[in-house]
């Protein structure tokens, strides 16, 4: 059985994700560039975020290894 805090968290997370999806959809629909150019930009943006995430994960793993003496 869920308590009020868990239910509030789920409702809040659902609202956040829904708002994000609506915002992205509206942004794509009203984008000032063509679909192909927008897709290239989004792909490039996503690839950059993946690279950033991998770099951060590598740093965290390395820091964890150093702190454990591995």
N, C-alpha and C. Protein backbone atom coordinates (compact mmCIF):
# COMPACT_ATOMS: atom_id res chain seq x y z
N UNK A 1 0.83 -1.17 0.00
CA UNK A 1 0.00 0.00 0.00
C UNK A 1 0.89 1.25 0.00
N UNK A 2 0.56 2.19 -0.86
CA UNK A 2 1.37 3.39 -0.98
C UNK A 2 0.94 4.44 0.04
N UNK A 3 1.95 5.09 0.60
CA UNK A 3 1.63 6.20 1.49
C UNK A 3 1.50 7.48 0.67
N UNK A 4 1.11 8.55 1.32
CA UNK A 4 0.86 9.82 0.61
C UNK A 4 2.11 10.38 -0.05
N UNK A 5 3.27 10.20 0.59
CA UNK A 5 4.52 10.72 0.03
C UNK A 5 4.87 10.00 -1.27
N UNK A 6 4.74 8.68 -1.31
CA UNK A 6 5.04 7.92 -2.51
C UNK A 6 4.07 8.30 -3.63
N UNK A 7 2.80 8.43 -3.29
CA UNK A 7 1.80 8.80 -4.28
C UNK A 7 2.09 10.19 -4.84
N UNK A 8 2.47 11.13 -3.98
CA UNK A 8 2.79 12.48 -4.43
C UNK A 8 4.01 12.47 -5.33
N UNK A 9 4.99 11.66 -5.00
CA UNK A 9 6.18 11.55 -5.83
C UNK A 9 5.83 11.01 -7.21
N UNK A 10 5.01 9.99 -7.26
CA UNK A 10 4.61 9.41 -8.55
C UNK A 10 3.82 10.41 -9.38
N UNK A 11 2.89 11.11 -8.75
CA UNK A 11 2.10 12.12 -9.46
C UNK A 11 3.01 13.24 -9.97
N UNK A 12 3.92 13.68 -9.15
CA UNK A 12 4.85 14.74 -9.55
C UNK A 12 5.75 14.30 -10.69
N UNK A 13 6.28 13.09 -10.61
CA UNK A 13 7.15 12.58 -11.67
C UNK A 13 6.37 12.42 -12.97
N UNK A 14 5.15 11.94 -12.87
CA UNK A 14 4.32 11.78 -14.06
C UNK A 14 4.03 13.14 -14.70
N UNK A 15 3.72 14.13 -13.88
CA UNK A 15 3.46 15.47 -14.39
C UNK A 15 4.71 16.05 -15.05
N UNK A 16 5.86 15.83 -14.45
CA UNK A 16 7.11 16.33 -15.01
C UNK A 16 7.39 15.71 -16.37
N UNK A 17 7.28 14.40 -16.46
CA UNK A 17 7.54 13.70 -17.72
C UNK A 17 6.53 14.13 -18.79
N UNK A 18 5.27 14.24 -18.40
CA UNK A 18 4.24 14.68 -19.35
C UNK A 18 4.54 16.08 -19.86
N UNK A 19 4.88 16.98 -18.96
CA UNK A 19 5.22 18.35 -19.36
C UNK A 19 6.44 18.39 -20.26
N UNK A 20 7.41 17.57 -19.95
CA UNK A 20 8.61 17.50 -20.78
C UNK A 20 8.28 17.05 -22.19
N UNK A 21 7.46 16.00 -22.29
CA UNK A 21 7.07 15.48 -23.61
C UNK A 21 6.28 16.51 -24.40
N UNK A 22 5.35 17.18 -23.75
CA UNK A 22 4.55 18.20 -24.42
C UNK A 22 5.46 19.35 -24.88
N UNK A 23 6.38 19.75 -24.03
CA UNK A 23 7.29 20.84 -24.39
C UNK A 23 8.19 20.49 -25.56
N UNK A 24 8.73 19.28 -25.55
CA UNK A 24 9.58 18.85 -26.66
C UNK A 24 8.76 18.77 -27.94
N UNK A 25 7.56 18.21 -27.83
CA UNK A 25 6.69 18.11 -29.02
C UNK A 25 6.36 19.48 -29.59
N UNK A 26 6.01 20.42 -28.73
CA UNK A 26 5.70 21.78 -29.20
C UNK A 26 6.94 22.43 -29.81
N UNK A 27 8.09 22.21 -29.19
CA UNK A 27 9.32 22.78 -29.72
C UNK A 27 9.66 22.25 -31.09
N UNK A 28 9.44 20.97 -31.29
CA UNK A 28 9.73 20.37 -32.61
C UNK A 28 8.73 20.89 -33.64
N UNK A 29 7.45 20.99 -33.26
CA UNK A 29 6.44 21.47 -34.20
C UNK A 29 6.67 22.92 -34.62
N UNK A 30 7.13 23.74 -33.69
CA UNK A 30 7.32 25.15 -33.99
C UNK A 30 8.79 25.50 -34.25
N UNK A 31 9.58 24.51 -34.53
CA UNK A 31 11.00 24.74 -34.77
C UNK A 31 11.19 25.62 -36.01
N UNK A 32 12.16 26.52 -35.95
CA UNK A 32 12.38 27.43 -37.08
C UNK A 32 13.13 26.78 -38.24
N UNK A 33 13.56 25.54 -38.08
CA UNK A 33 14.34 24.88 -39.13
C UNK A 33 13.56 23.72 -39.72
N UNK A 34 14.06 23.21 -40.82
CA UNK A 34 13.41 22.07 -41.47
C UNK A 34 13.52 20.83 -40.59
N UNK A 35 12.71 19.83 -40.89
CA UNK A 35 12.72 18.59 -40.13
C UNK A 35 14.07 17.91 -40.16
N UNK A 36 14.69 17.85 -41.34
CA UNK A 36 15.99 17.17 -41.48
C UNK A 36 17.05 17.89 -40.64
N UNK A 37 17.04 19.21 -40.70
CA UNK A 37 18.04 19.98 -39.94
C UNK A 37 17.79 19.82 -38.44
N UNK A 38 16.53 19.83 -38.04
CA UNK A 38 16.19 19.66 -36.62
C UNK A 38 16.60 18.28 -36.14
N UNK A 39 16.36 17.25 -36.95
CA UNK A 39 16.75 15.89 -36.56
C UNK A 39 18.27 15.78 -36.43
N UNK A 40 19.00 16.39 -37.36
CA UNK A 40 20.47 16.39 -37.26
C UNK A 40 20.91 17.06 -35.96
N UNK A 41 20.30 18.19 -35.67
CA UNK A 41 20.65 18.91 -34.44
C UNK A 41 20.33 18.07 -33.20
N UNK A 42 19.15 17.46 -33.17
CA UNK A 42 18.78 16.63 -32.02
C UNK A 42 19.71 15.43 -31.89
N UNK A 43 20.07 14.81 -33.02
CA UNK A 43 20.98 13.67 -32.98
C UNK A 43 22.34 14.09 -32.44
N UNK A 44 22.84 15.23 -32.91
CA UNK A 44 24.13 15.74 -32.45
C UNK A 44 24.07 16.07 -30.96
N UNK A 45 22.98 16.70 -30.54
CA UNK A 45 22.80 17.04 -29.13
C UNK A 45 22.79 15.78 -28.27
N UNK A 46 22.04 14.77 -28.71
CA UNK A 46 21.96 13.52 -27.95
C UNK A 46 23.32 12.83 -27.89
N UNK A 47 24.05 12.81 -29.01
CA UNK A 47 25.37 12.19 -29.02
C UNK A 47 26.32 12.90 -28.06
N UNK A 48 26.24 14.23 -28.03
CA UNK A 48 27.08 15.00 -27.11
C UNK A 48 26.74 14.66 -25.66
N UNK A 49 25.44 14.53 -25.34
CA UNK A 49 25.04 14.20 -23.97
C UNK A 49 25.51 12.79 -23.60
N UNK A 50 25.47 11.86 -24.55
CA UNK A 50 25.96 10.50 -24.28
C UNK A 50 27.45 10.55 -23.97
N UNK A 51 28.20 11.29 -24.78
CA UNK A 51 29.64 11.41 -24.54
C UNK A 51 29.91 12.03 -23.17
N UNK A 52 29.17 13.07 -22.83
CA UNK A 52 29.33 13.71 -21.51
C UNK A 52 29.04 12.72 -20.39
N UNK A 53 27.97 11.95 -20.55
CA UNK A 53 27.58 10.98 -19.53
C UNK A 53 28.64 9.90 -19.37
N UNK A 54 29.19 9.43 -20.48
CA UNK A 54 30.25 8.40 -20.41
C UNK A 54 31.47 8.97 -19.69
N UNK A 55 31.85 10.20 -20.01
CA UNK A 55 33.00 10.81 -19.35
C UNK A 55 32.77 10.94 -17.84
N UNK A 56 31.58 11.39 -17.47
CA UNK A 56 31.27 11.54 -16.05
C UNK A 56 31.28 10.18 -15.36
N UNK A 57 30.69 9.17 -16.00
CA UNK A 57 30.66 7.83 -15.42
C UNK A 57 32.08 7.30 -15.25
N UNK A 58 32.93 7.51 -16.24
CA UNK A 58 34.33 7.06 -16.14
C UNK A 58 35.03 7.74 -14.97
N UNK A 59 34.78 9.04 -14.79
CA UNK A 59 35.40 9.77 -13.68
C UNK A 59 34.91 9.22 -12.34
N UNK A 60 33.61 8.96 -12.24
CA UNK A 60 33.05 8.45 -11.00
C UNK A 60 33.61 7.07 -10.70
N UNK A 61 33.70 6.22 -11.72
CA UNK A 61 34.25 4.87 -11.53
C UNK A 61 35.70 4.95 -11.09
N UNK A 62 36.47 5.81 -11.75
CA UNK A 62 37.89 5.95 -11.40
C UNK A 62 38.04 6.48 -9.97
N UNK A 63 37.21 7.45 -9.60
CA UNK A 63 37.25 7.99 -8.24
C UNK A 63 36.90 6.92 -7.22
N UNK A 64 35.91 6.09 -7.55
CA UNK A 64 35.53 5.00 -6.66
C UNK A 64 36.64 3.98 -6.51
N UNK A 65 37.31 3.66 -7.63
CA UNK A 65 38.43 2.71 -7.57
C UNK A 65 39.56 3.26 -6.71
N UNK A 66 39.85 4.56 -6.87
CA UNK A 66 40.92 5.17 -6.07
C UNK A 66 40.58 5.14 -4.59
N UNK A 67 39.32 5.45 -4.28
CA UNK A 67 38.95 5.49 -2.88
C UNK A 67 38.93 4.10 -2.26
N UNK A 68 38.74 3.06 -3.08
CA UNK A 68 38.75 1.69 -2.56
C UNK A 68 40.13 1.08 -2.63
N UNK A 69 41.06 1.77 -3.26
CA UNK A 69 42.43 1.27 -3.37
C UNK A 69 42.60 0.15 -4.38
N UNK A 70 41.75 0.16 -5.40
CA UNK A 70 41.82 -0.88 -6.44
C UNK A 70 42.68 -0.43 -7.57
